[in-house]
C-alpha atoms as a PDB file:
ATOM      1  CA  UNK A   1      58.895 -20.961  35.636  1.00  0.00           C
ATOM      2  CA  UNK A   2      56.742 -18.414  34.963  1.00  0.00           C
ATOM      3  CA  UNK A   3      57.603 -15.010  33.063  1.00  0.00           C
ATOM      4  CA  UNK A   4      58.244 -12.732  36.054  1.00  0.00           C
ATOM      5  CA  UNK A   5      60.372 -15.699  37.804  1.00  0.00           C
ATOM      6  CA  UNK A   6      62.565 -16.002  34.543  1.00  0.00           C
ATOM      7  CA  UNK A   7      63.187 -12.290  34.395  1.00  0.00           C
ATOM      8  CA  UNK A   8      64.078 -12.155  37.991  1.00  0.00           C
ATOM      9  CA  UNK A   9      66.343 -14.976  37.708  1.00  0.00           C
ATOM     10  CA  UNK A  10      67.893 -13.316  34.385  1.00  0.00           C
ATOM     11  CA  UNK A  11      68.453 -10.295  36.511  1.00  0.00           C
ATOM     12  CA  UNK A  12      70.163 -12.052  39.341  1.00  0.00           C
ATOM     13  CA  UNK A  13      72.477 -13.834  36.714  1.00  0.00           C
ATOM     14  CA  UNK A  14      73.082 -10.790  34.927  1.00  0.00           C
ATOM     15  CA  UNK A  15      74.262  -8.793  37.829  1.00  0.00           C
ATOM     16  CA  UNK A  16      77.022 -11.624  38.293  1.00  0.00           C
ATOM     17  CA  UNK A  17      78.410 -11.138  34.635  1.00  0.00           C
ATOM     18  CA  UNK A  18      80.256  -8.591  33.017  1.00  0.00           C
ATOM     19  CA  UNK A  19      78.699  -6.614  30.082  1.00  0.00           C
ATOM     20  CA  UNK A  20      81.177  -8.035  27.693  1.00  0.00           C
ATOM     21  CA  UNK A  21      80.364 -11.571  28.669  1.00  0.00           C
ATOM     22  CA  UNK A  22      76.516 -11.007  28.245  1.00  0.00           C
ATOM     23  CA  UNK A  23      77.408  -9.326  24.653  1.00  0.00           C
ATOM     24  CA  UNK A  24      78.877 -12.684  23.877  1.00  0.00           C
ATOM     25  CA  UNK A  25      75.989 -14.674  24.919  1.00  0.00           C
ATOM     26  CA  UNK A  26      73.888 -12.553  22.662  1.00  0.00           C
ATOM     27  CA  UNK A  27      76.088 -12.647  19.787  1.00  0.00           C
ATOM     28  CA  UNK A  28      76.596 -16.332  20.104  1.00  0.00           C
ATOM     29  CA  UNK A  29      72.679 -16.514  20.298  1.00  0.00           C
ATOM     30  CA  UNK A  30      72.145 -14.818  17.207  1.00  0.00           C
ATOM     31  CA  UNK A  31      75.162 -16.239  15.034  1.00  0.00           C
ATOM     32  CA  UNK A  32      74.871 -19.761  16.353  1.00  0.00           C
ATOM     33  CA  UNK A  33      71.023 -20.426  16.007  1.00  0.00           C
ATOM     34  CA  UNK A  34      71.312 -21.004  19.780  1.00  0.00           C
ATOM     35  CA  UNK A  35      67.904 -21.255  21.749  1.00  0.00           C
ATOM     36  CA  UNK A  36      66.928 -19.240  24.709  1.00  0.00           C
ATOM     37  CA  UNK A  37      66.872 -22.358  26.900  1.00  0.00           C
ATOM     38  CA  UNK A  38      70.458 -23.183  25.961  1.00  0.00           C
ATOM     39  CA  UNK A  39      71.321 -19.581  27.089  1.00  0.00           C
ATOM     40  CA  UNK A  40      69.786 -20.035  30.409  1.00  0.00           C
ATOM     41  CA  UNK A  41      71.508 -23.494  30.832  1.00  0.00           C
ATOM     42  CA  UNK A  42      75.230 -21.716  30.015  1.00  0.00           C
ATOM     43  CA  UNK A  43      74.397 -18.971  32.556  1.00  0.00           C
ATOM     44  CA  UNK A  44      73.625 -21.829  35.180  1.00  0.00           C
ATOM     45  CA  UNK A  45      76.728 -23.689  34.253  1.00  0.00           C
ATOM     46  CA  UNK A  46      78.653 -20.756  34.978  1.00  0.00           C
ATOM     47  CA  UNK A  47      76.815 -19.957  38.135  1.00  0.00           C
ATOM     48  CA  UNK A  48      77.220 -23.438  39.136  1.00  0.00           C
ATOM     49  CA  UNK A  49      81.090 -23.551  38.290  1.00  0.00           C
ATOM     50  CA  UNK A  50      83.415 -21.193  39.828  1.00  0.00           C
ATOM     51  CA  UNK A  51      86.095 -19.964  37.243  1.00  0.00           C
ATOM     52  CA  UNK A  52      84.143 -21.231  34.388  1.00  0.00           C
ATOM     53  CA  UNK A  53      84.586 -19.575  31.086  1.00  0.00           C
ATOM     54  CA  UNK A  54      81.882 -18.596  28.816  1.00  0.00           C
ATOM     55  CA  UNK A  55      83.092 -20.857  26.194  1.00  0.00           C
ATOM     56  CA  UNK A  56      83.677 -23.695  28.518  1.00  0.00           C
ATOM     57  CA  UNK A  57      80.067 -23.236  29.759  1.00  0.00           C
ATOM     58  CA  UNK A  58      78.591 -23.480  25.839  1.00  0.00           C
ATOM     59  CA  UNK A  59      80.989 -26.681  25.250  1.00  0.00           C
ATOM     60  CA  UNK A  60      79.452 -28.082  28.347  1.00  0.00           C
ATOM     61  CA  UNK A  61      75.866 -27.445  27.189  1.00  0.00           C
ATOM     62  CA  UNK A  62      76.489 -28.374  23.684  1.00  0.00           C
ATOM     63  CA  UNK A  63      78.093 -31.816  24.898  1.00  0.00           C
ATOM     64  CA  UNK A  64      74.927 -32.535  26.892  1.00  0.00           C
ATOM     65  CA  UNK A  65      72.791 -32.156  23.714  1.00  0.00           C
ATOM     66  CA  UNK A  66      74.929 -34.217  22.115  1.00  0.00           C
ATOM     67  CA  UNK A  67      74.836 -36.708  24.510  1.00  0.00           C
ATOM     68  CA  UNK A  68      71.046 -36.114  24.553  1.00  0.00           C
ATOM     69  CA  UNK A  69      70.892 -37.044  20.602  1.00  0.00           C
ATOM     70  CA  UNK A  70      73.042 -40.200  21.149  1.00  0.00           C
ATOM     71  CA  UNK A  71      70.688 -41.603  23.850  1.00  0.00           C
ATOM     72  CA  UNK A  72      67.673 -40.580  21.808  1.00  0.00           C
ATOM     73  CA  UNK A  73      69.113 -42.705  18.917  1.00  0.00           C
ATOM     74  CA  UNK A  74      69.868 -45.810  20.896  1.00  0.00           C
END
């Protein structure tokens, strides 16, 4: 995805979330050392699952990372 596509995707997603949810996402990124890719995955997860909270989406993304680490270690 090029920069303009990523920007458009971010704008589309941002329009579906409250400012409070987006602020929480930014704080989580800064405080937890999360990557921008993690944030995009969180937003995609929320987009794909109706009624998911921001916390539930973060948990799912982090759980996926933990599975990836375990698979890579085997």
